[in-house]
Protein backbone atom coordinates (compact mmCIF):
# COMPACT_ATOMS: atom_id res chain seq x y z
CA MET A 1 121.90 86.44 55.54
CA ARG A 2 121.29 84.61 59.09
CA ILE A 3 119.83 86.01 62.01
CA ALA A 4 119.92 83.93 65.23
CA ILE A 5 116.52 84.05 66.87
CA GLY A 6 115.27 83.69 70.57
CA GLN A 7 113.49 84.60 73.71
CA VAL A 8 114.13 84.83 77.51
CA ALA A 9 111.24 86.29 79.25
CA HIS A 10 109.98 86.54 83.32
CA GLU A 11 108.40 89.62 84.84
CA THR A 12 109.71 89.67 88.39
CA ASN A 13 107.55 90.55 91.00
CA THR A 14 110.19 90.70 94.09
CA PHE A 15 107.31 91.08 96.29
CA CYS A 16 106.47 87.71 96.09
CA ARG A 17 107.49 85.06 98.90
CA GLY A 18 110.00 82.35 98.14
CA LEU A 19 111.84 82.23 94.64
CA THR A 20 111.53 80.80 91.15
CA GLU A 21 112.74 78.09 90.16
CA VAL A 22 113.28 76.02 86.89
CA ASP A 23 110.21 74.00 87.04
CA GLU A 24 108.77 77.35 86.52
CA PHE A 25 110.28 77.86 83.31
CA LYS A 26 109.58 74.37 81.59
CA ALA A 27 106.11 74.29 82.98
CA LYS A 28 105.53 77.32 80.43
CA GLU A 29 107.50 77.10 78.03
CA TRP A 30 111.67 75.62 77.26
CA ALA A 31 111.73 75.02 73.70
CA HIS A 32 115.13 74.40 71.80
CA GLY A 33 115.51 74.34 67.91
CA PRO A 34 112.69 73.25 65.69
CA GLN A 35 109.96 73.09 68.51
CA LEU A 36 110.68 77.30 68.78
CA VAL A 37 108.89 77.51 65.67
CA SER A 38 106.47 75.19 65.72
CA GLN A 39 105.29 76.78 69.23
CA HIS A 40 105.15 80.48 67.42
CA ARG A 41 104.24 80.03 64.08
CA GLY A 42 101.06 81.55 63.51
CA VAL A 43 100.82 82.90 66.91
CA ARG A 44 100.84 86.86 67.19
CA SER A 45 103.98 86.49 69.41
CA TYR A 46 107.35 88.66 69.59
CA LEU A 47 108.73 85.20 67.86
CA GLY A 48 105.72 84.45 65.40
CA GLY A 49 106.31 88.22 64.23
CA MET A 50 110.11 87.31 63.81
CA LEU A 51 109.53 84.28 62.00
CA ASP A 52 107.07 85.59 59.33
CA ALA A 53 109.28 88.44 58.98
CA GLY A 54 112.17 86.74 58.31
CA GLU A 55 110.26 84.45 55.96
CA ARG A 56 108.95 87.51 53.95
CA LEU A 57 112.10 88.93 53.48
CA GLY A 58 114.10 85.83 52.43
CA ILE A 59 116.48 85.14 55.61
CA ASP A 60 117.56 82.68 56.98
CA LEU A 61 116.18 82.65 61.09
CA VAL A 62 118.27 80.36 63.21
CA PRO A 63 116.10 79.32 66.36
CA THR A 64 118.22 79.13 69.28
CA PHE A 65 115.94 78.64 72.84
CA ALA A 66 113.02 80.73 74.54
CA THR A 67 111.65 80.37 77.56
CA HIS A 68 109.46 82.11 79.81
CA ALA A 69 107.63 82.02 83.12
CA THR A 70 104.14 83.25 84.89
CA PRO A 71 105.03 85.96 86.11
CA SER A 72 106.13 85.42 90.41
CA GLY A 73 109.03 85.92 92.55
CA THR A 74 112.79 86.45 92.65
CA ILE A 75 114.58 83.89 90.06
CA SER A 76 116.95 81.60 91.68
CA ARG A 77 120.47 81.80 90.97
CA SER A 78 120.50 78.13 89.80
CA ALA A 79 117.45 78.82 87.42
CA TYR A 80 118.82 81.53 86.00
CA GLU A 81 122.53 80.43 85.21
CA MET A 82 120.49 77.15 83.78
CA ILE A 83 117.98 79.91 81.23
CA ALA A 84 121.71 81.21 80.33
CA SER A 85 123.93 78.77 79.51
CA GLU A 86 120.69 77.24 77.13
CA LEU A 87 120.50 80.34 75.64
CA LEU A 88 124.21 81.03 74.95
CA ASN A 89 124.73 77.40 74.08
CA GLY A 90 122.06 78.16 71.43
CA LEU A 91 123.34 80.62 70.19
CA ARG A 92 127.24 79.36 69.54
CA SER A 93 125.48 76.33 68.05
CA ALA A 94 123.58 78.72 65.16
CA GLY A 95 127.66 79.10 63.98
CA ARG A 96 127.97 82.16 61.98
CA VAL A 97 125.14 84.83 61.72
CA ASP A 98 125.18 88.06 60.72
CA ALA A 99 122.62 89.46 63.61
CA ILE A 100 120.71 88.29 66.75
CA CYS A 101 117.51 89.23 67.75
CA LEU A 102 115.87 88.13 71.11
CA ALA A 103 112.85 88.43 72.77
CA LEU A 104 113.98 89.43 76.19
CA HIS A 105 111.06 91.67 79.14
CA GLY A 106 113.35 93.89 80.51
CA ALA A 107 111.75 93.54 84.13
CA GLY A 108 113.70 90.07 85.02
CA VAL A 109 115.59 89.57 88.50
CA ALA A 110 117.88 86.56 89.85
CA GLU A 111 119.89 86.07 92.93
CA GLY A 112 122.90 88.38 92.18
CA ALA A 113 122.00 89.77 89.18
CA ASP A 114 118.95 92.88 89.92
CA ASP A 115 119.23 93.60 85.62
CA LEU A 116 118.51 90.07 84.60
CA GLU A 117 118.88 91.33 80.97
CA GLY A 118 121.76 93.57 81.07
CA ASP A 119 123.84 90.63 82.98
CA LEU A 120 122.47 88.30 79.91
CA LEU A 121 123.04 90.61 76.78
CA ALA A 122 126.60 91.12 78.53
CA ARG A 123 127.45 87.43 78.42
CA ILE A 124 126.50 87.57 74.83
CA ARG A 125 128.40 90.16 74.06
CA ALA A 126 131.17 88.74 75.50
CA MET A 127 130.99 85.96 73.39
CA THR A 128 130.03 87.83 70.34
CA GLY A 129 131.79 91.18 70.07
CA ARG A 130 130.73 94.86 70.00
CA THR A 131 129.93 94.90 66.53
CA LEU A 132 127.47 92.12 65.72
CA PRO A 133 123.74 93.57 65.65
CA ILE A 134 121.96 92.64 68.76
CA ILE A 135 118.16 93.84 68.28
CA VAL A 136 116.13 92.97 71.51
CA THR A 137 112.18 93.44 71.77
CA LEU A 138 111.18 94.69 75.45
CA ASP A 139 107.89 94.37 77.04
CA LEU A 140 106.09 97.70 78.28
CA HIS A 141 106.88 97.40 81.55
CA ALA A 142 110.70 96.98 81.60
CA ASN A 143 112.90 98.27 83.56
CA VAL A 144 115.01 99.93 81.00
CA THR A 145 118.73 99.81 82.05
CA PRO A 146 122.30 102.09 80.79
CA GLU A 147 123.30 98.42 80.66
CA MET A 148 120.63 96.90 79.11
CA ALA A 149 120.96 100.31 76.45
CA ARG A 150 125.03 99.63 76.29
CA GLU A 151 124.80 96.12 75.17
CA ALA A 152 122.14 96.50 72.49
CA THR A 153 122.53 98.20 69.61
CA ALA A 154 118.56 98.39 69.59
CA LEU A 155 116.10 97.87 72.12
CA LEU A 156 112.42 97.93 70.74
CA SER A 157 109.67 97.97 73.79
CA VAL A 158 105.78 97.17 72.79
CA ASN A 159 104.04 100.36 72.46
CA PHE A 160 100.56 99.51 73.88
CA TYR A 161 99.39 98.29 76.90
CA PRO A 162 97.64 95.35 76.58
CA HIS A 163 100.52 94.46 74.46
CA VAL A 164 98.68 93.53 70.96
CA ASP A 165 101.88 94.67 68.95
CA SER A 166 104.00 92.47 70.34
CA TYR A 167 103.82 90.67 66.51
CA GLU A 168 105.00 93.72 64.98
CA ARG A 169 107.61 94.53 67.08
CA GLY A 170 109.18 91.09 66.63
CA GLY A 171 108.70 91.65 63.39
CA GLU A 172 110.27 95.27 63.42
CA ALA A 173 113.13 93.46 65.27
CA VAL A 174 114.24 91.23 62.29
CA THR A 175 113.65 93.99 59.57
CA LEU A 176 115.91 96.65 61.33
CA ALA A 177 118.78 93.92 61.96
CA HIS A 178 117.98 93.05 57.71
CA ARG A 179 117.78 96.99 56.89
CA MET A 180 121.57 97.38 58.93
CA VAL A 181 123.19 94.44 57.17
CA THR A 182 121.76 95.47 53.52
CA ASP A 183 120.70 99.19 53.89
CA GLY A 184 123.77 100.58 55.68
CA ILE A 185 120.92 101.85 58.70
CA VAL A 186 123.11 102.85 61.47
CA PRO A 187 121.01 102.72 64.48
CA ARG A 188 122.25 105.20 67.41
CA MET A 189 120.41 105.15 70.89
CA HIS A 190 119.32 107.08 74.05
CA LEU A 191 117.56 106.08 76.82
CA SER A 192 116.46 108.75 79.10
CA ARG A 193 115.42 107.53 82.60
CA ILE A 194 112.83 109.26 84.90
CA PRO A 195 112.31 109.30 88.40
CA MET A 196 108.96 108.08 88.53
CA ILE A 197 106.81 104.24 89.07
CA VAL A 198 104.00 104.06 86.91
CA PRO A 199 100.98 102.52 88.56
CA THR A 200 99.87 99.87 85.90
CA THR A 201 97.67 102.30 83.15
CA ALA A 202 96.18 101.08 79.63
CA THR A 203 97.71 103.25 76.66
CA SER A 204 94.27 104.15 75.44
CA LEU A 205 93.42 106.29 78.66
CA SER A 206 95.30 109.40 79.51
CA PRO A 207 97.90 110.68 80.17
CA VAL A 208 99.85 107.93 78.19
CA LYS A 209 97.55 108.24 75.22
CA GLU A 210 99.07 111.40 74.85
CA PHE A 211 102.68 110.32 75.56
CA ASN A 212 102.14 107.48 73.04
CA GLU A 213 101.56 110.47 70.47
CA ARG A 214 103.97 112.71 71.24
CA CYS A 215 106.64 109.48 70.47
CA TRP A 216 105.12 108.89 67.06
CA ALA A 217 104.93 112.55 66.17
CA TRP A 218 109.21 112.14 66.60
CA GLU A 219 108.66 109.25 64.67
CA LYS A 220 107.85 111.04 61.65
CA LYS A 221 110.82 113.05 61.69
CA PRO A 222 113.49 112.48 58.94
CA GLY A 223 116.11 110.06 61.10
CA ILE A 224 113.93 108.85 63.96
CA ILE A 225 113.59 104.93 63.23
CA ASP A 226 111.86 104.30 66.97
CA CYS A 227 110.32 106.03 70.05
CA THR A 228 108.91 104.94 72.84
CA PHE A 229 107.66 105.95 76.39
CA VAL A 230 108.27 102.38 78.50
CA HIS A 231 106.45 102.62 81.64
CA GLY A 232 108.47 100.38 83.84
CA PHE A 233 107.98 97.90 86.17
CA ALA A 234 106.44 98.84 89.67
CA HIS A 235 105.94 95.86 92.11
CA THR A 236 109.71 95.09 92.14
CA ASP A 237 111.95 96.30 94.75
CA ILE A 238 115.18 97.08 92.89
CA PRO A 239 117.31 100.39 92.77
CA SER A 240 116.88 100.81 88.76
CA ILE A 241 112.69 100.41 88.39
CA SER A 242 111.96 103.57 86.56
CA ALA A 243 109.88 104.65 83.39
CA SER A 244 111.67 106.06 80.62
CA VAL A 245 111.93 107.00 76.84
CA ILE A 246 114.00 104.98 74.09
CA ALA A 247 114.85 106.76 71.07
CA ILE A 248 117.05 105.31 68.22
CA ALA A 249 118.25 107.45 65.29
CA ASP A 250 119.99 106.35 62.15
CA GLY A 251 123.34 107.59 62.77
CA SER A 252 122.40 110.61 65.09
CA ALA A 253 123.32 110.07 69.33
CA GLU A 254 122.03 113.74 69.36
CA LEU A 255 118.77 113.62 67.28
CA ALA A 256 117.97 110.66 69.83
CA ARG A 257 118.59 112.77 72.81
CA GLN A 258 116.37 115.17 71.68
CA ALA A 259 114.07 112.93 70.57
CA ALA A 260 113.82 110.71 74.12
CA ASP A 261 114.24 114.07 76.26
CA ASP A 262 111.57 115.81 74.75
CA VAL A 263 108.98 113.25 75.60
CA ALA A 264 110.50 112.24 78.84
CA SER A 265 110.20 115.97 79.97
CA TYR A 266 106.96 115.90 78.86
CA ALA A 267 105.67 112.79 80.16
CA TRP A 268 107.19 114.21 83.79
CA GLN A 269 104.66 117.41 83.59
CA HIS A 270 101.74 115.05 82.97
CA ARG A 271 102.82 112.83 85.74
CA GLU A 272 100.04 113.31 87.96
CA GLY A 273 97.22 111.41 85.93
CA LEU A 274 99.09 108.58 86.51
CA ILE A 275 97.56 108.25 89.87
CA ARG A 276 93.71 106.37 89.53
CA ARG A 277 91.43 105.85 92.53
CA CYS A 278 89.18 102.83 91.85
CA PRO A 279 87.16 101.64 94.05
CA GLY A 280 86.62 98.26 96.12
CA PRO A 281 85.04 95.23 95.41
CA ALA A 282 81.75 95.88 96.95
CA GLU A 283 81.33 99.47 95.56
CA ALA A 284 82.52 98.11 92.26
CA ILE A 285 79.59 95.43 92.57
CA ARG A 286 77.32 97.95 93.42
CA MET A 287 78.35 100.66 90.77
CA ALA A 288 77.75 97.69 88.04
CA LEU A 289 74.13 96.37 89.12
CA ALA A 290 73.27 100.30 89.25
CA LEU A 291 74.58 100.84 84.86
CA ASP A 292 72.13 100.33 82.28
CA GLY A 293 73.21 97.28 80.06
CA GLY A 294 75.28 94.47 80.29
CA PRO A 295 78.16 92.63 80.43
CA VAL A 296 79.81 94.83 82.90
CA VAL A 297 83.57 93.52 83.28
CA ILE A 298 85.24 94.02 86.75
CA ASN A 299 88.42 93.28 86.47
CA GLU A 300 90.49 92.78 89.90
CA THR A 301 93.59 94.83 89.22
CA SER A 302 95.27 93.73 92.80
CA ASP A 303 95.55 90.14 92.17
CA ASN A 304 96.51 90.08 88.84
CA PRO A 305 98.83 87.15 88.13
CA GLY A 306 100.38 88.67 84.82
CA GLY A 307 101.92 90.96 87.25
CA GLY A 308 102.97 87.89 90.23
CA SER A 309 100.11 88.05 92.11
CA PRO A 310 98.75 84.92 93.56
CA GLY A 311 95.58 84.27 91.20
CA ASP A 312 93.53 82.78 94.42
CA GLY A 313 92.65 85.97 96.14
CA THR A 314 88.61 86.11 97.11
CA TYR A 315 88.34 89.92 97.95
CA LEU A 316 85.85 90.34 94.64
CA LEU A 317 84.46 87.00 94.42
CA ARG A 318 83.41 87.56 97.84
CA ALA A 319 81.31 90.99 97.54
CA MET A 320 79.89 89.42 94.44
CA LEU A 321 78.41 86.30 96.59
CA GLU A 322 77.67 88.28 99.26
CA ALA A 323 75.40 91.27 96.78
CA ARG A 324 73.61 87.67 95.94
CA ALA A 325 74.20 89.23 92.41
CA ALA A 326 71.89 87.68 89.78
CA SER A 327 73.46 86.70 86.19
CA ALA A 328 77.39 87.10 87.46
CA CYS A 329 79.94 85.02 86.35
CA PHE A 330 83.87 84.70 88.06
CA GLY A 331 86.40 83.50 85.75
CA PHE A 332 88.82 82.49 87.04
CA ILE A 333 90.51 81.85 90.67
CA TYR A 334 93.25 79.39 91.01
CA ASP A 335 92.55 76.64 93.51
CA PRO A 336 94.15 73.38 91.89
CA GLN A 337 92.63 71.63 95.29
CA THR A 338 89.22 72.48 94.62
CA ALA A 339 89.65 71.75 91.04
CA ALA A 340 90.86 68.37 91.68
CA GLN A 341 87.70 68.08 94.45
CA ALA A 342 85.23 68.60 92.02
CA HIS A 343 86.69 66.45 89.20
CA ASP A 344 86.57 63.74 91.55
CA ALA A 345 82.92 64.44 92.60
CA GLY A 346 81.96 64.94 89.11
CA VAL A 347 79.30 67.14 87.08
CA GLY A 348 75.79 67.52 89.05
CA ALA A 349 77.74 66.71 92.85
CA THR A 350 77.43 69.00 95.18
CA ILE A 351 80.52 69.71 97.24
CA HIS A 352 82.09 71.86 100.28
CA VAL A 353 84.71 74.24 99.07
CA ARG A 354 87.26 76.45 100.81
CA LEU A 355 87.71 78.23 97.66
CA GLY A 356 91.26 80.34 97.54
CA GLY A 357 93.44 82.32 99.98
CA ARG A 358 95.54 79.78 100.05
CA THR A 359 98.28 81.63 99.52
CA ASP A 360 98.32 83.96 101.91
CA ARG A 361 95.68 86.60 103.83
CA MET A 362 96.64 89.80 102.04
CA HIS A 363 94.60 88.59 99.04
CA GLY A 364 91.52 87.64 101.55
CA GLU A 365 90.53 84.33 103.44
CA PRO A 366 88.80 81.01 101.94
CA ILE A 367 85.48 80.87 101.07
CA GLU A 368 83.60 78.27 102.94
CA ALA A 369 80.45 77.54 101.24
CA ASP A 370 78.48 74.79 98.64
CA ALA A 371 79.21 74.76 95.42
CA TYR A 372 77.67 72.46 92.43
CA VAL A 373 79.90 70.92 89.51
CA ALA A 374 78.48 71.87 86.62
CA ASP A 375 80.92 71.35 84.33
CA LEU A 376 84.25 69.92 84.34
CA THR A 377 87.27 70.52 81.73
CA ASP A 378 90.93 69.44 80.80
CA GLY A 379 91.60 73.61 80.54
CA ARG A 380 93.35 73.32 77.09
CA PHE A 381 92.07 76.51 74.37
CA ILE A 382 93.56 78.23 71.56
CA ARG A 383 93.93 81.95 72.85
CA GLN A 384 91.78 83.98 70.40
CA SER A 385 92.64 87.70 72.09
CA PRO A 386 94.57 89.56 69.48
CA MET A 387 97.24 89.62 72.16
CA GLY A 388 99.06 86.53 71.56
CA ARG A 389 95.91 84.95 69.51
CA GLY A 390 96.86 81.22 68.14
CA ALA A 391 98.61 80.24 71.55
CA GLN A 392 98.04 77.39 72.93
CA VAL A 393 96.64 77.75 76.98
CA ASP A 394 96.54 75.50 79.45
CA LEU A 395 95.16 76.17 82.47
CA GLY A 396 95.08 72.48 83.64
CA ARG A 397 91.83 70.83 85.53
CA MET A 398 89.02 73.40 85.94
CA ALA A 399 85.57 73.46 87.34
CA ARG A 400 82.48 75.46 86.99
CA LEU A 401 81.13 75.58 90.15
CA ARG A 402 77.61 77.33 90.62
CA ILE A 403 77.88 79.10 94.18
CA GLY A 404 74.63 80.79 95.02
CA THR A 405 74.09 82.93 91.78
CA VAL A 406 77.19 83.00 90.75
CA ASP A 407 79.19 81.06 88.15
CA VAL A 408 82.75 80.49 89.35
CA LEU A 409 85.38 79.12 87.31
CA VAL A 410 88.49 77.50 88.95
CA SER A 411 91.81 76.67 87.65
CA SER A 412 94.86 74.75 88.08
CA VAL A 413 96.99 76.58 86.87
CA ARG A 414 97.87 79.87 87.80
CA GLU A 415 97.72 83.06 84.56
CA GLN A 416 95.38 85.83 84.62
CA THR A 417 92.30 85.90 81.84
CA LEU A 418 92.94 87.14 78.63
CA ASP A 419 89.89 86.75 76.47
CA ALA A 420 86.33 84.81 76.60
CA GLU A 421 87.61 81.60 75.49
CA VAL A 422 87.78 80.16 79.11
CA PHE A 423 83.79 81.03 80.04
CA LEU A 424 83.20 79.35 76.13
CA HIS A 425 85.06 76.57 77.39
CA HIS A 426 82.94 76.25 80.24
CA GLY A 427 79.54 76.77 78.12
CA ILE A 428 79.63 80.19 79.42
CA ASP A 429 78.38 83.23 77.01
CA VAL A 430 79.30 86.05 78.64
CA THR A 431 77.24 88.23 76.52
CA ARG A 432 74.03 86.42 78.20
CA TYR A 433 75.41 88.44 81.76
CA LYS A 434 75.05 91.11 83.47
CA ILE A 435 78.41 90.96 85.68
CA VAL A 436 81.47 89.46 84.24
CA ALA A 437 84.50 89.27 86.95
CA LEU A 438 87.99 88.53 86.18
CA LYS A 439 91.56 88.64 87.65
CA SER A 440 93.61 90.75 85.50
CA SER A 441 95.61 94.23 85.36
CA GLN A 442 94.62 95.69 81.59
CA HIS A 443 95.58 92.97 79.25
CA PHE A 444 92.14 91.64 79.83
CA ARG A 445 90.86 94.47 77.35
CA ALA A 446 92.24 93.47 74.36
CA GLY A 447 89.95 90.65 75.01
CA PHE A 448 86.42 92.20 76.24
CA GLU A 449 86.19 95.73 75.30
CA PRO A 450 84.71 94.61 71.86
CA LEU A 451 82.49 92.47 74.35
CA ALA A 452 82.01 94.83 77.29
CA ALA A 453 78.92 97.46 78.26
CA HIS A 454 80.56 98.71 80.77
CA ILE A 455 84.71 98.31 82.62
CA LEU A 456 85.02 98.72 86.31
CA THR A 457 88.38 97.89 87.78
CA ALA A 458 87.92 97.07 91.31
CA ASP A 459 91.34 97.79 93.90
CA SER A 460 91.97 96.04 96.96
CA PRO A 461 95.67 95.01 98.84
CA GLY A 462 97.55 92.50 96.99
CA LEU A 463 100.99 92.43 94.98
CA THR A 464 99.50 94.35 92.05
CA THR A 465 97.09 96.89 93.68
CA LEU A 466 97.81 100.70 91.90
CA ASP A 467 98.38 102.12 95.32
CA LEU A 468 101.78 102.26 95.11
CA THR A 469 102.20 103.69 98.38
CA SER A 470 101.32 100.19 100.32
CA PHE A 471 104.56 98.55 98.98
CA PRO A 472 107.62 98.01 101.81
CA TYR A 473 110.16 99.84 99.10
CA HIS A 474 113.64 99.30 100.93
CA ARG A 475 116.33 99.47 97.52
CA VAL A 476 114.81 101.14 95.14
CA ASP A 477 116.59 104.42 94.18
CA ARG A 478 115.13 107.36 96.09
CA PRO A 479 113.73 110.53 95.85
CA VAL A 480 111.20 108.99 93.26
CA TRP A 481 107.33 110.04 92.47
CA PRO A 482 105.33 108.84 93.30
CA LEU A 483 106.68 107.63 96.95
CA ASP A 484 108.50 111.35 97.42
CA ALA A 485 106.52 113.99 96.40
CA ASP A 486 109.52 116.62 96.00
CA THR A 487 111.51 114.03 93.53
CA ARG A 488 113.06 116.85 90.71
CA TYR A 489 113.68 115.82 87.30
CA GLN A 490 115.77 117.71 84.57
CA PRO A 491 117.06 115.61 81.75
CA ALA A 492 120.53 115.02 81.69
């Protein structure tokens, strides 16, 4: 049995300025054939799970092409055409296969293609015909469209946020393809789209925790292969953004419809619990200092590079400095210029910095300060978080600066903080600090919940703020909750 595998992934925040070009994909991953295998073998990623499942089942996996980029603005037409061409050429070169398993995202947007994944799957179907099984893994923040559901045989979104089950979902995709070929499983899929936009919400918290439990109750019923509540991606302005439920049954489209509609109705009834009110940066610092024990982890959700924000926002860091918070560290802020300045000066130097605030003023003004250069690194380490453990991380030249009472990490590559390894790389043991601040919405929880005495979320203006009413939506299909309070929903 032969299965072709590949990946194209990008979470597109259309509110970001500028276009995402192919160089941003090549900087993160641009792997063909054996290189795909070497980069994902032993890694808790979708493709890592596919590789291990294939080996376990004795399947001849054919690696084609894999690429992804840090979330950012709309993908340029030329970049998308190049990416699509690389994947299609890889699939053609794979020769005769029994199935295709792809790790896509579900929130990709390119110039002329609001539904990147739907468009890409349609191109693949035009090449393979309608009968070849195409099993697709999706991010939990996919804006799942009818086109995706029509072109794929099965869509398997991760269940958790943080996405700690990407590896398992990759393995399940290969296993399902194997069952289709060898056991005669016939997946029938139903998509129930819900007219609501979900702010970033951890699946360990209510009411999403209960949404998942309702899905898993359906999965225990005979005939149900999978049932998943998909959050959608709120930070993009296209007609098709929404939460949804995907249900898959063996041979019964009606059973799949019943499961999807039931969970969708339940989620709609409990939607008000999705709205969270979080303190601003200054208030979050005051709350942290008043709590017993530590560390208190404060995540700056509004400037999360994992959702397309610039990563150089200064609201939370400025609040820490103004509070003169003792035993505090911030990891990390994206500022290649300051990192280069520190490397030029060397460890032990004191430099005057103009830190952050380089992308725009929405995320805060630059911080003018004197900084002591405490440590310098290459920014390369191995991820230890349950989400993507084993992956090589490269944040470029980095510096640990001491500004007042706060240790501040500065990176040359834009990315969110997933685990404490970046701190350890610079000689910081976060368990010895009272306050640990970082830029992330929820993914940090996988790496920091075991270490934190408390977790607080700070919100402020930004491209990934929880306040969805602050975004200038112009193209979204209306009405949609919570933008329109009078939105009504009834499963079709």
